[in-house]
Amino acid sequence: MMKNMTIVSLVFVLFVLSLSQEVHAGPLAYGICQTGCNDLAVSCYAAAGFTFGTVTGGTGIPAVLVGCNASLGTCMAACVAAGAGPTP
């Protein structure tokens, strides 16, 4: 009996969700945007002669890597708009 109630509940929830008129793909757009930002960071590190993810932070890192990290942070902050907005 409990299994039947679970199935009925699941069918009801799926039915209610199917009534939605608008699709929000914000999280998908956010993930795509972050992937693009990471690709740019990897390219920036490679142009400087380093491998992204292998350099630890600290006072001894080259200034060009600080610039790469700052650009990555700015890019990822801009991705919030992609994640927050609905995508029909």
PDB file of N, CA and C in Angstrom:
ATOM      1  N   MET A   1       0.816  -1.187   0.000  1.00  0.00           N
ATOM      2  CA  MET A   1       0.000   0.000   0.000  1.00  0.00           C
ATOM      3  C   MET A   1       0.866   1.261   0.000  1.00  0.00           C
ATOM      4  N   MET A   2       1.964   1.217   0.749  1.00  0.00           N
ATOM      5  CA  MET A   2       2.839   2.377   0.829  1.00  0.00           C
ATOM      6  C   MET A   2       3.505   2.660  -0.514  1.00  0.00           C
ATOM      7  N   LYS A   3       3.811   1.598  -1.241  1.00  0.00           N
ATOM      8  CA  LYS A   3       4.442   1.766  -2.546  1.00  0.00           C
ATOM      9  C   LYS A   3       3.489   2.460  -3.515  1.00  0.00           C
ATOM     10  N   ASN A   4       2.211   2.116  -3.463  1.00  0.00           N
ATOM     11  CA  ASN A   4       1.219   2.753  -4.326  1.00  0.00           C
ATOM     12  C   ASN A   4       1.068   4.236  -4.003  1.00  0.00           C
ATOM     13  N   MET A   5       1.117   4.586  -2.732  1.00  0.00           N
ATOM     14  CA  MET A   5       1.023   5.992  -2.331  1.00  0.00           C
ATOM     15  C   MET A   5       2.227   6.773  -2.829  1.00  0.00           C
ATOM     16  N   THR A   6       3.398   6.159  -2.792  1.00  0.00           N
ATOM     17  CA  THR A   6       4.606   6.822  -3.273  1.00  0.00           C
ATOM     18  C   THR A   6       4.506   7.070  -4.771  1.00  0.00           C
ATOM     19  N   ILE A   7       4.021   6.099  -5.511  1.00  0.00           N
ATOM     20  CA  ILE A   7       3.879   6.253  -6.955  1.00  0.00           C
ATOM     21  C   ILE A   7       2.845   7.324  -7.280  1.00  0.00           C
ATOM     22  N   VAL A   8       1.731   7.326  -6.562  1.00  0.00           N
ATOM     23  CA  VAL A   8       0.703   8.336  -6.787  1.00  0.00           C
ATOM     24  C   VAL A   8       1.252   9.725  -6.472  1.00  0.00           C
ATOM     25  N   SER A   9       1.995   9.848  -5.412  1.00  0.00           N
ATOM     26  CA  SER A   9       2.591  11.134  -5.049  1.00  0.00           C
ATOM     27  C   SER A   9       3.570  11.603  -6.116  1.00  0.00           C
ATOM     28  N   LEU A  10       4.385  10.690  -6.617  1.00  0.00           N
ATOM     29  CA  LEU A  10       5.348  11.035  -7.650  1.00  0.00           C
ATOM     30  C   LEU A  10       4.651  11.475  -8.927  1.00  0.00           C
ATOM     31  N   VAL A  11       3.608  10.774  -9.313  1.00  0.00           N
ATOM     32  CA  VAL A  11       2.846  11.143 -10.513  1.00  0.00           C
ATOM     33  C   VAL A  11       2.212  12.519 -10.326  1.00  0.00           C
ATOM     34  N   PHE A  12       1.690  12.790  -9.149  1.00  0.00           N
ATOM     35  CA  PHE A  12       1.084  14.091  -8.877  1.00  0.00           C
ATOM     36  C   PHE A  12       2.113  15.214  -8.976  1.00  0.00           C
ATOM     37  N   VAL A  13       3.276  15.013  -8.390  1.00  0.00           N
ATOM     38  CA  VAL A  13       4.331  16.040  -8.435  1.00  0.00           C
ATOM     39  C   VAL A  13       4.771  16.274  -9.877  1.00  0.00           C
ATOM     40  N   LEU A  14       4.963  15.217 -10.632  1.00  0.00           N
ATOM     41  CA  LEU A  14       5.356  15.373 -12.032  1.00  0.00           C
ATOM     42  C   LEU A  14       4.276  16.084 -12.841  1.00  0.00           C
ATOM     43  N   PHE A  15       3.016  15.803 -12.541  1.00  0.00           N
ATOM     44  CA  PHE A  15       1.918  16.487 -13.224  1.00  0.00           C
ATOM     45  C   PHE A  15       1.938  17.982 -12.921  1.00  0.00           C
ATOM     46  N   VAL A  16       2.102  18.343 -11.670  1.00  0.00           N
ATOM     47  CA  VAL A  16       2.129  19.755 -11.287  1.00  0.00           C
ATOM     48  C   VAL A  16       3.318  20.455 -11.939  1.00  0.00           C
ATOM     49  N   LEU A  17       4.456  19.809 -11.959  1.00  0.00           N
ATOM     50  CA  LEU A  17       5.629  20.410 -12.588  1.00  0.00           C
ATOM     51  C   LEU A  17       5.458  20.567 -14.096  1.00  0.00           C
ATOM     52  N   SER A  18       4.691  19.703 -14.712  1.00  0.00           N
ATOM     53  CA  SER A  18       4.481  19.797 -16.156  1.00  0.00           C
ATOM     54  C   SER A  18       3.589  20.971 -16.536  1.00  0.00           C
ATOM     55  N   LEU A  19       2.911  21.586 -15.578  1.00  0.00           N
ATOM     56  CA  LEU A  19       2.054  22.731 -15.852  1.00  0.00           C
ATOM     57  C   LEU A  19       2.838  24.027 -16.023  1.00  0.00           C
ATOM     58  N   SER A  20       4.121  24.003 -15.762  1.00  0.00           N
ATOM     59  CA  SER A  20       4.958  25.198 -15.870  1.00  0.00           C
ATOM     60  C   SER A  20       4.984  25.691 -17.314  1.00  0.00           C
ATOM     61  N   GLN A  21       4.870  26.993 -17.491  1.00  0.00           N
ATOM     62  CA  GLN A  21       4.843  27.589 -18.826  1.00  0.00           C
ATOM     63  C   GLN A  21       6.202  28.133 -19.264  1.00  0.00           C
ATOM     64  N   GLU A  22       7.124  28.256 -18.359  1.00  0.00           N
ATOM     65  CA  GLU A  22       8.423  28.843 -18.674  1.00  0.00           C
ATOM     66  C   GLU A  22       9.526  27.928 -18.174  1.00  0.00           C
ATOM     67  N   VAL A  23      10.557  27.841 -18.963  1.00  0.00           N
ATOM     68  CA  VAL A  23      11.703  27.017 -18.599  1.00  0.00           C
ATOM     69  C   VAL A  23      12.819  27.921 -18.129  1.00  0.00           C
ATOM     70  N   HIS A  24      13.417  27.590 -17.016  1.00  0.00           N
ATOM     71  CA  HIS A  24      14.546  28.355 -16.495  1.00  0.00           C
ATOM     72  C   HIS A  24      15.814  27.529 -16.661  1.00  0.00           C
ATOM     73  N   ALA A  25      16.674  27.962 -17.548  1.00  0.00           N
ATOM     74  CA  ALA A  25      17.930  27.250 -17.781  1.00  0.00           C
ATOM     75  C   ALA A  25      19.095  28.041 -17.220  1.00  0.00           C
ATOM     76  N   GLY A  26      18.831  28.862 -16.224  1.00  0.00           N
ATOM     77  CA  GLY A  26      19.878  29.683 -15.639  1.00  0.00           C
ATOM     78  C   GLY A  26      21.052  28.882 -15.113  1.00  0.00           C
ATOM     79  N   PRO A  27      20.824  27.816 -14.354  1.00  0.00           N
ATOM     80  CA  PRO A  27      21.963  27.040 -13.859  1.00  0.00           C
ATOM     81  C   PRO A  27      22.808  26.441 -14.981  1.00  0.00           C
ATOM     82  N   LEU A  28      22.181  26.060 -16.073  1.00  0.00           N
ATOM     83  CA  LEU A  28      22.931  25.531 -17.206  1.00  0.00           C
ATOM     84  C   LEU A  28      23.784  26.632 -17.831  1.00  0.00           C
ATOM     85  N   ALA A  29      23.197  27.805 -18.008  1.00  0.00           N
ATOM     86  CA  ALA A  29      23.948  28.934 -18.565  1.00  0.00           C
ATOM     87  C   ALA A  29      25.092  29.325 -17.643  1.00  0.00           C
ATOM     88  N   TYR A  30      24.852  29.259 -16.341  1.00  0.00           N
ATOM     89  CA  TYR A  30      25.890  29.581 -15.361  1.00  0.00           C
ATOM     90  C   TYR A  30      27.062  28.607 -15.472  1.00  0.00           C
ATOM     91  N   GLY A  31      26.766  27.332 -15.611  1.00  0.00           N
ATOM     92  CA  GLY A  31      27.821  26.332 -15.752  1.00  0.00           C
ATOM     93  C   GLY A  31      28.608  26.503 -17.034  1.00  0.00           C
ATOM     94  N   ILE A  32      27.913  26.822 -18.125  1.00  0.00           N
ATOM     95  CA  ILE A  32      28.603  27.052 -19.399  1.00  0.00           C
ATOM     96  C   ILE A  32      29.496  28.276 -19.294  1.00  0.00           C
ATOM     97  N   CYS A  33      29.012  29.315 -18.654  1.00  0.00           N
ATOM     98  CA  CYS A  33      29.803  30.536 -18.481  1.00  0.00           C
ATOM     99  C   CYS A  33      31.054  30.267 -17.652  1.00  0.00           C
ATOM    100  N   GLN A  34      30.913  29.518 -16.567  1.00  0.00           N
ATOM    101  CA  GLN A  34      32.078  29.205 -15.733  1.00  0.00           C
ATOM    102  C   GLN A  34      33.095  28.356 -16.484  1.00  0.00           C
ATOM    103  N   THR A  35      32.617  27.459 -17.331  1.00  0.00           N
ATOM    104  CA  THR A  35      33.536  26.654 -18.137  1.00  0.00           C
ATOM    105  C   THR A  35      34.330  27.543 -19.070  1.00  0.00           C
ATOM    106  N   GLY A  36      33.667  28.520 -19.673  1.00  0.00           N
ATOM    107  CA  GLY A  36      34.373  29.475 -20.531  1.00  0.00           C
ATOM    108  C   GLY A  36      35.407  30.282 -19.759  1.00  0.00           C
ATOM    109  N   CYS A  37      35.060  30.691 -18.553  1.00  0.00           N
ATOM    110  CA  CYS A  37      36.018  31.438 -17.722  1.00  0.00           C
ATOM    111  C   CYS A  37      37.240  30.582 -17.392  1.00  0.00           C
ATOM    112  N   ASN A  38      37.010  29.331 -17.051  1.00  0.00           N
ATOM    113  CA  ASN A  38      38.129  28.440 -16.736  1.00  0.00           C
ATOM    114  C   ASN A  38      38.999  28.180 -17.957  1.00  0.00           C
ATOM    115  N   ASP A  39      38.381  28.084 -19.143  1.00  0.00           N
ATOM    116  CA  ASP A  39      39.166  27.926 -20.371  1.00  0.00           C
ATOM    117  C   ASP A  39      40.082  29.124 -20.588  1.00  0.00           C
ATOM    118  N   LEU A  40      39.554  30.311 -20.331  1.00  0.00           N
ATOM    119  CA  LEU A  40      40.379  31.514 -20.472  1.00  0.00           C
ATOM    120  C   LEU A  40      41.514  31.535 -19.452  1.00  0.00           C
ATOM    121  N   ALA A  41      41.242  31.094 -18.244  1.00  0.00           N
ATOM    122  CA  ALA A  41      42.282  31.063 -17.217  1.00  0.00           C
ATOM    123  C   ALA A  41      43.377  30.066 -17.582  1.00  0.00           C
ATOM    124  N   VAL A  42      42.996  28.915 -18.102  1.00  0.00           N
ATOM    125  CA  VAL A  42      43.979  27.911 -18.527  1.00  0.00           C
ATOM    126  C   VAL A  42      44.845  28.484 -19.644  1.00  0.00           C
ATOM    127  N   SER A  43      44.221  29.195 -20.580  1.00  0.00           N
ATOM    128  CA  SER A  43      44.976  29.813 -21.671  1.00  0.00           C
ATOM    129  C   SER A  43      45.918  30.889 -21.156  1.00  0.00           C
ATOM    130  N   CYS A  44      45.456  31.659 -20.182  1.00  0.00           N
ATOM    131  CA  CYS A  44      46.294  32.713 -19.598  1.00  0.00           C
ATOM    132  C   CYS A  44      47.514  32.117 -18.903  1.00  0.00           C
ATOM    133  N   TYR A  45      47.294  31.071 -18.136  1.00  0.00           N
ATOM    134  CA  TYR A  45      48.405  30.391 -17.458  1.00  0.00           C
ATOM    135  C   TYR A  45      49.376  29.795 -18.469  1.00  0.00           C
ATOM    136  N   ALA A  46      48.835  29.174 -19.525  1.00  0.00           N
ATOM    137  CA  ALA A  46      49.691  28.553 -20.537  1.00  0.00           C
ATOM    138  C   ALA A  46      50.522  29.600 -21.254  1.00  0.00           C
ATOM    139  N   ALA A  47      49.935  30.762 -21.522  1.00  0.00           N
ATOM    140  CA  ALA A  47      50.687  31.843 -22.176  1.00  0.00           C
ATOM    141  C   ALA A  47      51.820  32.335 -21.289  1.00  0.00           C
ATOM    142  N   ALA A  48      51.633  32.221 -19.979  1.00  0.00           N
ATOM    143  CA  ALA A  48      52.684  32.644 -19.038  1.00  0.00           C
ATOM    144  C   ALA A  48      53.692  31.534 -18.781  1.00  0.00           C
ATOM    145  N   GLY A  49      53.433  30.329 -19.311  1.00  0.00           N
ATOM    146  CA  GLY A  49      54.365  29.226 -19.128  1.00  0.00           C
ATOM    147  C   GLY A  49      54.104  28.379 -17.892  1.00  0.00           C
ATOM    148  N   PHE A  50      52.891  28.445 -17.373  1.00  0.00           N
ATOM    149  CA  PHE A  50      52.541  27.678 -16.184  1.00  0.00           C
ATOM    150  C   PHE A  50      51.357  26.765 -16.489  1.00  0.00           C
ATOM    151  N   THR A  51      51.102  25.830 -15.602  1.00  0.00           N
ATOM    152  CA  THR A  51      49.951  24.943 -15.722  1.00  0.00           C
ATOM    153  C   THR A  51      48.923  25.353 -14.686  1.00  0.00           C
ATOM    154  N   PHE A  52      47.699  25.583 -15.151  1.00  0.00           N
ATOM    155  CA  PHE A  52      46.621  26.016 -14.261  1.00  0.00           C
ATOM    156  C   PHE A  52      46.349  24.941 -13.222  1.00  0.00           C
ATOM    157  N   GLY A  53      46.261  25.339 -11.957  1.00  0.00           N
ATOM    158  CA  GLY A  53      45.951  24.412 -10.880  1.00  0.00           C
ATOM    159  C   GLY A  53      47.157  23.851 -10.161  1.00  0.00           C
ATOM    160  N   THR A  54      48.362  24.169 -10.646  1.00  0.00           N
ATOM    161  CA  THR A  54      49.558  23.622 -10.006  1.00  0.00           C
ATOM    162  C   THR A  54      50.317  24.660  -9.198  1.00  0.00           C
ATOM    163  N   VAL A  55      49.940  25.911  -9.304  1.00  0.00           N
ATOM    164  CA  VAL A  55      50.645  26.985  -8.593  1.00  0.00           C
ATOM    165  C   VAL A  55      49.826  27.359  -7.367  1.00  0.00           C
ATOM    166  N   THR A  56      50.442  27.290  -6.215  1.00  0.00           N
ATOM    167  CA  THR A  56      49.752  27.682  -4.990  1.00  0.00           C
ATOM    168  C   THR A  56      49.903  29.178  -4.785  1.00  0.00           C
ATOM    169  N   GLY A  57      48.925  29.756  -4.120  1.00  0.00           N
ATOM    170  CA  GLY A  57      48.968  31.194  -3.863  1.00  0.00           C
ATOM    171  C   GLY A  57      50.042  31.537  -2.843  1.00  0.00           C
ATOM    172  N   GLY A  58      50.410  32.767  -2.838  1.00  0.00           N
ATOM    173  CA  GLY A  58      51.418  33.225  -1.893  1.00  0.00           C
ATOM    174  C   GLY A  58      52.136  34.440  -2.441  1.00  0.00           C
ATOM    175  N   THR A  59      53.136  34.885  -1.715  1.00  0.00           N
ATOM    176  CA  THR A  59      53.843  36.092  -2.127  1.00  0.00           C
ATOM    177  C   THR A  59      54.827  35.843  -3.259  1.00  0.00           C
ATOM    178  N   GLY A  60      55.146  34.586  -3.541  1.00  0.00           N
ATOM    179  CA  GLY A  60      56.148  34.298  -4.557  1.00  0.00           C
ATOM    180  C   GLY A  60      55.603  34.052  -5.947  1.00  0.00           C
ATOM    181  N   ILE A  61      54.303  34.210  -6.154  1.00  0.00           N
ATOM    182  CA  ILE A  61      53.782  33.924  -7.491  1.00  0.00           C
ATOM    183  C   ILE A  61      54.017  35.125  -8.411  1.00  0.00           C
ATOM    184  N   PRO A  62      54.256  34.870  -9.693  1.00  0.00           N
ATOM    185  CA  PRO A  62      54.489  35.967 -10.633  1.00  0.00           C
ATOM    186  C   PRO A  62      53.269  36.872 -10.780  1.00  0.00           C
ATOM    187  N   ALA A  63      53.519  38.125 -11.106  1.00  0.00           N
ATOM    188  CA  ALA A  63      52.437  39.104 -11.224  1.00  0.00           C
ATOM    189  C   ALA A  63      51.469  38.735 -12.342  1.00  0.00           C
ATOM    190  N   VAL A  64      51.975  38.085 -13.388  1.00  0.00           N
ATOM    191  CA  VAL A  64      51.092  37.719 -14.493  1.00  0.00           C
ATOM    192  C   VAL A  64      50.036  36.716 -14.034  1.00  0.00           C
ATOM    193  N   LEU A  65      50.395  35.839 -13.107  1.00  0.00           N
ATOM    194  CA  LEU A  65      49.418  34.882 -12.583  1.00  0.00           C
ATOM    195  C   LEU A  65      48.398  35.562 -11.682  1.00  0.00           C
ATOM    196  N   VAL A  66      48.812  36.600 -10.984  1.00  0.00           N
ATOM    197  CA  VAL A  66      47.861  37.379 -10.189  1.00  0.00           C
ATOM    198  C   VAL A  66      46.833  38.010 -11.124  1.00  0.00           C
ATOM    199  N   GLY A  67      47.305  38.493 -12.274  1.00  0.00           N
ATOM    200  CA  GLY A  67      46.394  39.057 -13.271  1.00  0.00           C
ATOM    201  C   GLY A  67      45.442  38.011 -13.830  1.00  0.00           C
ATOM    202  N   CYS A  68      45.959  36.803 -14.079  1.00  0.00           N
ATOM    203  CA  CYS A  68      45.110  35.709 -14.570  1.00  0.00           C
ATOM    204  C   CYS A  68      44.024  35.379 -13.547  1.00  0.00           C
ATOM    205  N   ASN A  69      44.419  35.315 -12.279  1.00  0.00           N
ATOM    206  CA  ASN A  69      43.456  35.007 -11.217  1.00  0.00           C
ATOM    207  C   ASN A  69      42.422  36.112 -11.047  1.00  0.00           C
ATOM    208  N   ALA A  70      42.870  37.366 -11.166  1.00  0.00           N
ATOM    209  CA  ALA A  70      41.931  38.484 -11.048  1.00  0.00           C
ATOM    210  C   ALA A  70      40.931  38.467 -12.202  1.00  0.00           C
ATOM    211  N   SER A  71      41.413  38.162 -13.393  1.00  0.00           N
ATOM    212  CA  SER A  71      40.518  38.076 -14.550  1.00  0.00           C
ATOM    213  C   SER A  71      39.523  36.930 -14.399  1.00  0.00           C
ATOM    214  N   LEU A  72      39.999  35.817 -13.863  1.00  0.00           N
ATOM    215  CA  LEU A  72      39.116  34.672 -13.627  1.00  0.00           C
ATOM    216  C   LEU A  72      38.010  35.040 -12.641  1.00  0.00           C
ATOM    217  N   GLY A  73      38.377  35.730 -11.581  1.00  0.00           N
ATOM    218  CA  GLY A  73      37.380  36.149 -10.590  1.00  0.00           C
ATOM    219  C   GLY A  73      36.357  37.112 -11.168  1.00  0.00           C
ATOM    220  N   THR A  74      36.814  38.046 -11.997  1.00  0.00           N
ATOM    221  CA  THR A  74      35.904  39.004 -12.627  1.00  0.00           C
ATOM    222  C   THR A  74      34.949  38.289 -13.579  1.00  0.00           C
ATOM    223  N   CYS A  75      35.500  37.364 -14.354  1.00  0.00           N
ATOM    224  CA  CYS A  75      34.682  36.611 -15.308  1.00  0.00           C
ATOM    225  C   CYS A  75      33.630  35.785 -14.576  1.00  0.00           C
ATOM    226  N   MET A  76      34.023  35.102 -13.511  1.00  0.00           N
ATOM    227  CA  MET A  76      33.070  34.265 -12.782  1.00  0.00           C
ATOM    228  C   MET A  76      32.018  35.100 -12.064  1.00  0.00           C
ATOM    229  N   ALA A  77      32.389  36.290 -11.629  1.00  0.00           N
ATOM    230  CA  ALA A  77      31.397  37.177 -11.017  1.00  0.00           C
ATOM    231  C   ALA A  77      30.367  37.625 -12.051  1.00  0.00           C
ATOM    232  N   ALA A  78      30.819  37.806 -13.295  1.00  0.00           N
ATOM    233  CA  ALA A  78      29.891  38.190 -14.363  1.00  0.00           C
ATOM    234  C   ALA A  78      28.944  37.041 -14.714  1.00  0.00           C
ATOM    235  N   CYS A  79      29.343  35.820 -14.420  1.00  0.00           N
ATOM    236  CA  CYS A  79      28.495  34.658 -14.705  1.00  0.00           C
ATOM    237  C   CYS A  79      27.257  34.617 -13.822  1.00  0.00           C
ATOM    238  N   VAL A  80      27.268  35.351 -12.746  1.00  0.00           N
ATOM    239  CA  VAL A  80      26.098  35.364 -11.850  1.00  0.00           C
ATOM    240  C   VAL A  80      24.874  35.859 -12.606  1.00  0.00           C
ATOM    241  N   ALA A  81      25.069  36.828 -13.496  1.00  0.00           N
ATOM    242  CA  ALA A  81      23.935  37.345 -14.286  1.00  0.00           C
ATOM    243  C   ALA A  81      23.358  36.243 -15.183  1.00  0.00           C
ATOM    244  N   ALA A  82      24.229  35.396 -15.707  1.00  0.00           N
ATOM    245  CA  ALA A  82      23.759  34.306 -16.554  1.00  0.00           C
ATOM    246  C   ALA A  82      22.981  33.271 -15.735  1.00  0.00           C
ATOM    247  N   GLY A  83      23.424  33.040 -14.519  1.00  0.00           N
ATOM    248  CA  GLY A  83      22.755  32.059 -13.674  1.00  0.00           C
ATOM    249  C   GLY A  83      21.481  32.556 -13.040  1.00  0.00           C
ATOM    250  N   ALA A  84      21.400  33.856 -12.816  1.00  0.00           N
ATOM    251  CA  ALA A  84      20.235  34.408 -12.123  1.00  0.00           C
ATOM    252  C   ALA A  84      19.073  34.673 -13.060  1.00  0.00           C
ATOM    253  N   GLY A  85      19.363  34.925 -14.321  1.00  0.00           N
ATOM    254  CA  GLY A  85      18.301  35.270 -15.259  1.00  0.00           C
ATOM    255  C   GLY A  85      17.663  34.030 -15.876  1.00  0.00           C
ATOM    256  N   PRO A  86      16.363  34.117 -16.139  1.00  0.00           N
ATOM    257  CA  PRO A  86      15.698  32.979 -16.793  1.00  0.00           C
ATOM    258  C   PRO A  86      16.070  32.909 -18.268  1.00  0.00           C
ATOM    259  N   THR A  87      16.183  31.717 -18.778  1.00  0.00           N
ATOM    260  CA  THR A  87      16.465  31.504 -20.188  1.00  0.00           C
ATOM    261  C   THR A  87      15.292  30.736 -20.772  1.00  0.00           C
ATOM    262  N   PRO A  88      14.497  31.408 -21.598  1.00  0.00           N
ATOM    263  CA  PRO A  88      13.299  30.736 -22.121  1.00  0.00           C
ATOM    264  C   PRO A  88      13.652  29.615 -23.094  1.00  0.00           C
TER     265      PRO A  88
END
